[in-house]
Amino acid sequence: MEMKAVIYRHNAALADLVKKANPDFVHEFPADMSVENIERALPTVSRRLIELARASGVSFDEWSVHVDGTVMAAGIYDKIWGPCSLFIIRQDNRGAYDWYAARVAEAAKKEERPKGPLVIIVRDRIADHNSETHTASCNDDDGLGLMEAEYITVHKWVERLRKHDVSVQVIAARWLQQTLKNDDSMVRNVVVICDHHNGRDLQELIERRGVWFNAYTPCRDDDFLAS
């Protein structure tokens, strides 16, 4: 039994869609409420949702939380509660990947490096679960479609990150593995974007004070409430 929650800042069109959908939980912030004030209010909203989820008797992994771009920008991803699914509402979506790239750049700027913030992109298999360019491997016997998808995905990442004034370097997974093996300072205090298939390298990266982001944004576009 799937349960749906909607958290958003008021606009007339979206409010009408929410009313028609009649989700199990709704929290509407005032239209004039700032992103900063929404961020401060989110913990209280989360507690209300947790209480309702427990009272419903439905496991929290069967809940889906749908938010608009404003609530996403307020940092709900960092405050999401338990194993529920998080969706960004297409009606107010300025791009889940645009938001995610901004978050990656912000993390990079927090790392102290003499030459400024750096984001390293591991190109291998970066498109496997990317909703913008995903190519199903079962329909791609020669692998050419996946190669093209990887190229497009990397290009989009580079383009988005450069808008946030961070340096970007694209590498192969084997280079990252070799760098970690040699304890190279290159991977200290940097942010790395790669697919979860490269997971065996991540613990070593973290031990060198690196930060890792999955290439696939955890927030998905969704047709629920779509106008």
C-alpha atoms as a PDB file:
ATOM      1  CA  MET A   1       0.000   0.000   0.000  1.00  0.00           C
ATOM      2  CA  GLU A   2       1.778   3.152  -1.171  1.00  0.00           C
ATOM      3  CA  MET A   3       1.314   6.342   0.827  1.00  0.00           C
ATOM      4  CA  LYS A   4       1.993   9.781  -0.645  1.00  0.00           C
ATOM      5  CA  ALA A   5       3.139  13.007   0.999  1.00  0.00           C
ATOM      6  CA  VAL A   6       3.422  16.417  -0.655  1.00  0.00           C
ATOM      7  CA  ILE A   7       5.486  19.303   0.750  1.00  0.00           C
ATOM      8  CA  TYR A   8       5.617  22.504  -1.263  1.00  0.00           C
ATOM      9  CA  ARG A   9       5.480  26.298  -1.288  1.00  0.00           C
ATOM     10  CA  HIS A  10       2.113  27.612  -2.429  1.00  0.00           C
ATOM     11  CA  ASN A  11       1.377  28.551  -5.988  1.00  0.00           C
ATOM     12  CA  ALA A  12      -2.132  28.428  -7.371  1.00  0.00           C
ATOM     13  CA  ALA A  13      -1.560  25.852 -10.107  1.00  0.00           C
ATOM     14  CA  LEU A  14       0.263  23.412  -7.851  1.00  0.00           C
ATOM     15  CA  ALA A  15      -2.215  23.879  -4.998  1.00  0.00           C
ATOM     16  CA  ASP A  16      -5.016  22.874  -7.369  1.00  0.00           C
ATOM     17  CA  LEU A  17      -3.151  19.725  -8.412  1.00  0.00           C
ATOM     18  CA  VAL A  18      -2.505  18.771  -4.798  1.00  0.00           C
ATOM     19  CA  LYS A  19      -6.163  19.225  -3.919  1.00  0.00           C
ATOM     20  CA  LYS A  20      -7.240  16.960  -6.790  1.00  0.00           C
ATOM     21  CA  ALA A  21      -4.651  14.293  -5.931  1.00  0.00           C
ATOM     22  CA  ASN A  22      -5.684  14.215  -2.242  1.00  0.00           C
ATOM     23  CA  PRO A  23      -2.409  12.748  -0.879  1.00  0.00           C
ATOM     24  CA  ASP A  24      -2.109  11.201   2.580  1.00  0.00           C
ATOM     25  CA  PHE A  25       0.011  14.036   3.974  1.00  0.00           C
ATOM     26  CA  VAL A  26       0.270  17.658   2.819  1.00  0.00           C
ATOM     27  CA  HIS A  27       2.295  20.563   4.096  1.00  0.00           C
ATOM     28  CA  GLU A  28       1.994  23.840   2.221  1.00  0.00           C
ATOM     29  CA  PHE A  29       4.364  26.697   2.991  1.00  0.00           C
ATOM     30  CA  PRO A  30       3.101  30.255   2.347  1.00  0.00           C
ATOM     31  CA  ALA A  31       3.895  31.698  -1.064  1.00  0.00           C
ATOM     32  CA  ASP A  32       6.007  34.495   0.433  1.00  0.00           C
ATOM     33  CA  MET A  33       8.034  32.256   2.753  1.00  0.00           C
ATOM     34  CA  SER A  34      11.774  32.362   2.066  1.00  0.00           C
ATOM     35  CA  VAL A  35      13.881  29.291   1.318  1.00  0.00           C
ATOM     36  CA  GLU A  36      15.850  29.968   4.530  1.00  0.00           C
ATOM     37  CA  ASN A  37      12.691  29.970   6.658  1.00  0.00           C
ATOM     38  CA  ILE A  38      11.441  26.827   4.928  1.00  0.00           C
ATOM     39  CA  GLU A  39      14.751  25.157   5.760  1.00  0.00           C
ATOM     40  CA  ARG A  40      14.319  26.054   9.425  1.00  0.00           C
ATOM     41  CA  ALA A  41      10.752  24.711   9.413  1.00  0.00           C
ATOM     42  CA  LEU A  42      11.505  21.371   7.763  1.00  0.00           C
ATOM     43  CA  PRO A  43      12.472  19.488  10.966  1.00  0.00           C
ATOM     44  CA  THR A  44       9.029  20.219  12.435  1.00  0.00           C
ATOM     45  CA  VAL A  45       7.339  19.061   9.240  1.00  0.00           C
ATOM     46  CA  SER A  46       9.432  15.902   9.280  1.00  0.00           C
ATOM     47  CA  ARG A  47       8.336  15.045  12.810  1.00  0.00           C
ATOM     48  CA  ARG A  48       4.672  15.409  11.797  1.00  0.00           C
ATOM     49  CA  LEU A  49       5.210  13.103   8.845  1.00  0.00           C
ATOM     50  CA  ILE A  50       7.010  10.511  10.979  1.00  0.00           C
ATOM     51  CA  GLU A  51       4.153  10.532  13.498  1.00  0.00           C
ATOM     52  CA  LEU A  52       1.610  10.014  10.718  1.00  0.00           C
ATOM     53  CA  ALA A  53       3.672   7.256   9.114  1.00  0.00           C
ATOM     54  CA  ARG A  54       3.869   5.376  12.403  1.00  0.00           C
ATOM     55  CA  ALA A  55       0.160   5.823  13.049  1.00  0.00           C
ATOM     56  CA  SER A  56      -0.732   4.579   9.555  1.00  0.00           C
ATOM     57  CA  GLY A  57       0.894   1.213  10.182  1.00  0.00           C
ATOM     58  CA  VAL A  58       2.434   1.383   6.700  1.00  0.00           C
ATOM     59  CA  SER A  59       6.191   0.812   6.484  1.00  0.00           C
ATOM     60  CA  PHE A  60       8.057   4.038   5.732  1.00  0.00           C
ATOM     61  CA  ASP A  61       9.655   2.494   2.645  1.00  0.00           C
ATOM     62  CA  GLU A  62       6.155   2.457   1.146  1.00  0.00           C
ATOM     63  CA  TRP A  63       5.852   6.231   1.515  1.00  0.00           C
ATOM     64  CA  SER A  64       6.772   8.575  -1.324  1.00  0.00           C
ATOM     65  CA  VAL A  65       7.505  12.217  -0.548  1.00  0.00           C
ATOM     66  CA  HIS A  66       6.859  14.675  -3.384  1.00  0.00           C
ATOM     67  CA  VAL A  67       8.372  18.156  -3.129  1.00  0.00           C
ATOM     68  CA  ASP A  68       8.628  21.215  -5.343  1.00  0.00           C
ATOM     69  CA  GLY A  69      11.854  22.885  -6.422  1.00  0.00           C
ATOM     70  CA  THR A  70      11.708  25.385  -3.556  1.00  0.00           C
ATOM     71  CA  VAL A  71      11.525  22.728  -0.849  1.00  0.00           C
ATOM     72  CA  MET A  72      14.263  20.794  -2.621  1.00  0.00           C
ATOM     73  CA  ALA A  73      16.456  23.902  -2.575  1.00  0.00           C
ATOM     74  CA  ALA A  74      15.773  24.234   1.157  1.00  0.00           C
ATOM     75  CA  GLY A  75      17.712  21.002   1.677  1.00  0.00           C
ATOM     76  CA  ILE A  76      15.050  18.404   2.255  1.00  0.00           C
ATOM     77  CA  TYR A  77      17.355  15.753   0.796  1.00  0.00           C
ATOM     78  CA  ASP A  78      19.620  16.217   3.828  1.00  0.00           C
ATOM     79  CA  LYS A  79      16.640  15.970   6.165  1.00  0.00           C
ATOM     80  CA  ILE A  80      14.704  13.150   4.522  1.00  0.00           C
ATOM     81  CA  TRP A  81      13.579  10.601   7.014  1.00  0.00           C
ATOM     82  CA  GLY A  82      14.140   6.883   6.643  1.00  0.00           C
ATOM     83  CA  PRO A  83      13.842   4.734   3.528  1.00  0.00           C
ATOM     84  CA  CYS A  84      10.972   6.591   1.842  1.00  0.00           C
ATOM     85  CA  SER A  85      11.262   7.614  -1.819  1.00  0.00           C
ATOM     86  CA  LEU A  86      11.899  11.264  -2.639  1.00  0.00           C
ATOM     87  CA  PHE A  87      10.455  12.801  -5.808  1.00  0.00           C
ATOM     88  CA  ILE A  88      10.690  16.275  -7.270  1.00  0.00           C
ATOM     89  CA  ILE A  89       7.392  17.469  -8.747  1.00  0.00           C
ATOM     90  CA  ARG A  90       7.684  17.943 -12.482  1.00  0.00           C
ATOM     91  CA  GLN A  91       5.253  20.885 -12.456  1.00  0.00           C
ATOM     92  CA  ASP A  92       7.744  22.991 -10.518  1.00  0.00           C
ATOM     93  CA  ASN A  93      10.917  21.192 -11.585  1.00  0.00           C
ATOM     94  CA  ARG A  94      13.756  23.397 -12.772  1.00  0.00           C
ATOM     95  CA  GLY A  95      15.850  20.296 -13.163  1.00  0.00           C
ATOM     96  CA  ALA A  96      16.805  17.741 -10.537  1.00  0.00           C
ATOM     97  CA  TYR A  97      20.294  17.512 -12.025  1.00  0.00           C
ATOM     98  CA  ASP A  98      20.714  21.296 -11.930  1.00  0.00           C
ATOM     99  CA  TRP A  99      19.913  21.242  -8.212  1.00  0.00           C
ATOM    100  CA  TYR A 100      22.217  18.262  -7.669  1.00  0.00           C
ATOM    101  CA  ALA A 101      25.138  19.928  -9.502  1.00  0.00           C
ATOM    102  CA  ALA A 102      24.734  23.003  -7.305  1.00  0.00           C
ATOM    103  CA  ARG A 103      24.887  20.799  -4.219  1.00  0.00           C
ATOM    104  CA  VAL A 104      28.046  19.068  -5.503  1.00  0.00           C
ATOM    105  CA  ALA A 105      29.701  22.427  -6.229  1.00  0.00           C
ATOM    106  CA  GLU A 106      28.764  23.687  -2.771  1.00  0.00           C
ATOM    107  CA  ALA A 107      30.437  20.634  -1.201  1.00  0.00           C
ATOM    108  CA  ALA A 108      33.569  21.199  -3.294  1.00  0.00           C
ATOM    109  CA  LYS A 109      33.820  24.826  -2.155  1.00  0.00           C
ATOM    110  CA  LYS A 110      33.884  23.685   1.473  1.00  0.00           C
ATOM    111  CA  GLU A 111      37.089  21.727   0.848  1.00  0.00           C
ATOM    112  CA  GLU A 112      40.272  23.718   1.402  1.00  0.00           C
ATOM    113  CA  ARG A 113      42.589  23.353  -1.592  1.00  0.00           C
ATOM    114  CA  PRO A 114      45.447  25.724  -2.594  1.00  0.00           C
ATOM    115  CA  LYS A 115      44.236  25.887  -6.199  1.00  0.00           C
ATOM    116  CA  GLY A 116      40.550  26.212  -5.396  1.00  0.00           C
ATOM    117  CA  PRO A 117      37.619  23.770  -5.429  1.00  0.00           C
ATOM    118  CA  LEU A 118      37.917  20.725  -7.687  1.00  0.00           C
ATOM    119  CA  VAL A 119      35.345  18.164  -8.804  1.00  0.00           C
ATOM    120  CA  ILE A 120      36.628  14.954 -10.377  1.00  0.00           C
ATOM    121  CA  ILE A 121      34.248  13.059 -12.648  1.00  0.00           C
ATOM    122  CA  VAL A 122      34.836   9.331 -13.139  1.00  0.00           C
ATOM    123  CA  ARG A 123      33.481   8.684 -16.610  1.00  0.00           C
ATOM    124  CA  ASP A 124      33.149   4.872 -16.433  1.00  0.00           C
ATOM    125  CA  ARG A 125      29.539   3.686 -16.315  1.00  0.00           C
ATOM    126  CA  ILE A 126      28.410   7.162 -15.287  1.00  0.00           C
ATOM    127  CA  ALA A 127      25.315   6.868 -17.509  1.00  0.00           C
ATOM    128  CA  ASP A 128      24.111   3.482 -16.238  1.00  0.00           C
ATOM    129  CA  HIS A 129      21.437   4.970 -14.013  1.00  0.00           C
ATOM    130  CA  ASN A 130      21.267   8.521 -15.308  1.00  0.00           C
ATOM    131  CA  SER A 131      17.649   9.298 -16.131  1.00  0.00           C
ATOM    132  CA  GLU A 132      18.626  11.881 -18.755  1.00  0.00           C
ATOM    133  CA  THR A 133      20.705   9.546 -20.909  1.00  0.00           C
ATOM    134  CA  HIS A 134      20.115   6.004 -19.681  1.00  0.00           C
ATOM    135  CA  THR A 135      20.459   3.290 -22.314  1.00  0.00           C
ATOM    136  CA  ALA A 136      19.216  -0.166 -21.376  1.00  0.00           C
ATOM    137  CA  SER A 137      22.141  -2.551 -21.792  1.00  0.00           C
ATOM    138  CA  CYS A 138      19.845  -5.367 -22.917  1.00  0.00           C
ATOM    139  CA  ASN A 139      19.057  -3.358 -26.054  1.00  0.00           C
ATOM    140  CA  ASP A 140      22.642  -2.260 -26.629  1.00  0.00           C
ATOM    141  CA  ASP A 141      24.532  -5.379 -27.683  1.00  0.00           C
ATOM    142  CA  ASP A 142      27.533  -3.564 -29.150  1.00  0.00           C
ATOM    143  CA  GLY A 143      27.801  -1.045 -26.301  1.00  0.00           C
ATOM    144  CA  LEU A 144      27.811   1.958 -28.632  1.00  0.00           C
ATOM    145  CA  GLY A 145      24.656   3.411 -27.130  1.00  0.00           C
ATOM    146  CA  LEU A 146      26.143   3.262 -23.641  1.00  0.00           C
ATOM    147  CA  MET A 147      29.357   4.904 -24.863  1.00  0.00           C
ATOM    148  CA  GLU A 148      27.342   7.743 -26.350  1.00  0.00           C
ATOM    149  CA  ALA A 149      25.276   8.064 -23.163  1.00  0.00           C
ATOM    150  CA  GLU A 150      28.448   8.246 -21.052  1.00  0.00           C
ATOM    151  CA  TYR A 151      29.824  11.014 -23.287  1.00  0.00           C
ATOM    152  CA  ILE A 152      26.585  13.020 -23.049  1.00  0.00           C
ATOM    153  CA  THR A 153      26.298  12.515 -19.280  1.00  0.00           C
ATOM    154  CA  VAL A 154      29.871  13.653 -18.640  1.00  0.00           C
ATOM    155  CA  HIS A 155      29.396  16.675 -20.891  1.00  0.00           C
ATOM    156  CA  LYS A 156      26.219  17.682 -19.021  1.00  0.00           C
ATOM    157  CA  TRP A 157      27.954  17.336 -15.654  1.00  0.00           C
ATOM    158  CA  VAL A 158      30.911  19.472 -16.771  1.00  0.00           C
ATOM    159  CA  GLU A 159      28.608  22.115 -18.232  1.00  0.00           C
ATOM    160  CA  ARG A 160      26.510  22.367 -15.079  1.00  0.00           C
ATOM    161  CA  LEU A 161      29.429  22.424 -12.650  1.00  0.00           C
ATOM    162  CA  ARG A 162      31.328  25.138 -14.490  1.00  0.00           C
ATOM    163  CA  LYS A 163      28.377  27.462 -13.928  1.00  0.00           C
ATOM    164  CA  HIS A 164      29.267  27.297 -10.228  1.00  0.00           C
ATOM    165  CA  ASP A 165      32.915  28.339 -10.554  1.00  0.00           C
ATOM    166  CA  VAL A 166      34.589  25.053  -9.713  1.00  0.00           C
ATOM    167  CA  SER A 167      37.370  23.298 -11.610  1.00  0.00           C
ATOM    168  CA  VAL A 168      36.411  20.005 -13.240  1.00  0.00           C
ATOM    169  CA  GLN A 169      38.605  17.068 -14.224  1.00  0.00           C
ATOM    170  CA  VAL A 170      37.360  13.969 -16.075  1.00  0.00           C
ATOM    171  CA  ILE A 171      39.203  10.705 -15.441  1.00  0.00           C
ATOM    172  CA  ALA A 172      38.869   6.945 -15.943  1.00  0.00           C
ATOM    173  CA  ALA A 173      38.097   4.642 -13.016  1.00  0.00           C
ATOM    174  CA  ARG A 174      41.463   2.906 -13.375  1.00  0.00           C
ATOM    175  CA  TRP A 175      43.183   6.282 -12.869  1.00  0.00           C
ATOM    176  CA  LEU A 176      41.258   6.828  -9.632  1.00  0.00           C
ATOM    177  CA  GLN A 177      42.182   3.337  -8.451  1.00  0.00           C
ATOM    178  CA  GLN A 178      45.853   3.884  -9.244  1.00  0.00           C
ATOM    179  CA  THR A 179      45.850   7.280  -7.569  1.00  0.00           C
ATOM    180  CA  LEU A 180      44.324   5.839  -4.411  1.00  0.00           C
ATOM    181  CA  LYS A 181      46.845   2.991  -4.472  1.00  0.00           C
ATOM    182  CA  ASN A 182      49.737   5.455  -4.654  1.00  0.00           C
ATOM    183  CA  ASP A 183      48.252   7.673  -1.916  1.00  0.00           C
ATOM    184  CA  ASP A 184      48.453  10.631  -4.252  1.00  0.00           C
ATOM    185  CA  SER A 185      47.553  14.029  -2.793  1.00  0.00           C
ATOM    186  CA  MET A 186      45.404  14.654  -5.886  1.00  0.00           C
ATOM    187  CA  VAL A 187      42.411  12.995  -4.232  1.00  0.00           C
ATOM    188  CA  ARG A 188      42.700  14.823  -0.927  1.00  0.00           C
ATOM    189  CA  ASN A 189      39.992  17.377  -0.190  1.00  0.00           C
ATOM    190  CA  VAL A 190      38.261  16.898  -3.540  1.00  0.00           C
ATOM    191  CA  VAL A 191      34.767  15.920  -4.565  1.00  0.00           C
ATOM    192  CA  VAL A 192      34.386  12.869  -6.809  1.00  0.00           C
ATOM    193  CA  ILE A 193      31.346  12.048  -8.933  1.00  0.00           C
ATOM    194  CA  CYS A 194      31.015   8.460 -10.083  1.00  0.00           C
ATOM    195  CA  ASP A 195      28.546   5.651 -10.431  1.00  0.00           C
ATOM    196  CA  HIS A 196      28.015   3.298  -7.501  1.00  0.00           C
ATOM    197  CA  HIS A 197      29.774   0.546  -9.481  1.00  0.00           C
ATOM    198  CA  ASN A 198      33.024   2.192  -8.365  1.00  0.00           C
ATOM    199  CA  GLY A 199      32.063   1.655  -4.738  1.00  0.00           C
ATOM    200  CA  ARG A 200      35.109  -0.392  -3.785  1.00  0.00           C
ATOM    201  CA  ASP A 201      37.229   2.754  -4.085  1.00  0.00           C
ATOM    202  CA  LEU A 202      34.980   5.013  -2.059  1.00  0.00           C
ATOM    203  CA  GLN A 203      36.139   4.086   1.442  1.00  0.00           C
ATOM    204  CA  GLU A 204      39.763   4.784   0.500  1.00  0.00           C
ATOM    205  CA  LEU A 205      38.668   8.097  -0.990  1.00  0.00           C
ATOM    206  CA  ILE A 206      36.817   9.087   2.175  1.00  0.00           C
ATOM    207  CA  GLU A 207      39.839   8.157   4.302  1.00  0.00           C
ATOM    208  CA  ARG A 208      41.796  10.728   2.291  1.00  0.00           C
ATOM    209  CA  ARG A 209      39.221  13.361   3.189  1.00  0.00           C
ATOM    210  CA  GLY A 210      37.556  13.150  -0.187  1.00  0.00           C
ATOM    211  CA  VAL A 211      33.806  13.460  -0.750  1.00  0.00           C
ATOM    212  CA  TRP A 212      31.782  11.183  -3.036  1.00  0.00           C
ATOM    213  CA  PHE A 213      28.518  11.793  -4.885  1.00  0.00           C
ATOM    214  CA  ASN A 214      26.634   9.240  -6.946  1.00  0.00           C
ATOM    215  CA  ALA A 215      26.355  10.381 -10.571  1.00  0.00           C
ATOM    216  CA  TYR A 216      22.641   9.540 -10.418  1.00  0.00           C
ATOM    217  CA  THR A 217      20.710  12.174  -8.505  1.00  0.00           C
ATOM    218  CA  PRO A 218      18.655  10.661  -5.674  1.00  0.00           C
ATOM    219  CA  CYS A 219      15.727  12.860  -6.705  1.00  0.00           C
ATOM    220  CA  ARG A 220      13.640  11.714  -9.623  1.00  0.00           C
ATOM    221  CA  ASP A 221      11.202  13.471 -11.892  1.00  0.00           C
ATOM    222  CA  ASP A 222       7.718  12.130 -11.388  1.00  0.00           C
ATOM    223  CA  ASP A 223       4.345  12.250 -13.140  1.00  0.00           C
ATOM    224  CA  PHE A 224       2.368  12.467  -9.909  1.00  0.00           C
ATOM    225  CA  LEU A 225       0.961  16.010  -9.731  1.00  0.00           C
ATOM    226  CA  ALA A 226       2.382  16.806 -13.172  1.00  0.00           C
ATOM    227  CA  SER A 227       0.449  19.539 -14.933  1.00  0.00           C
END
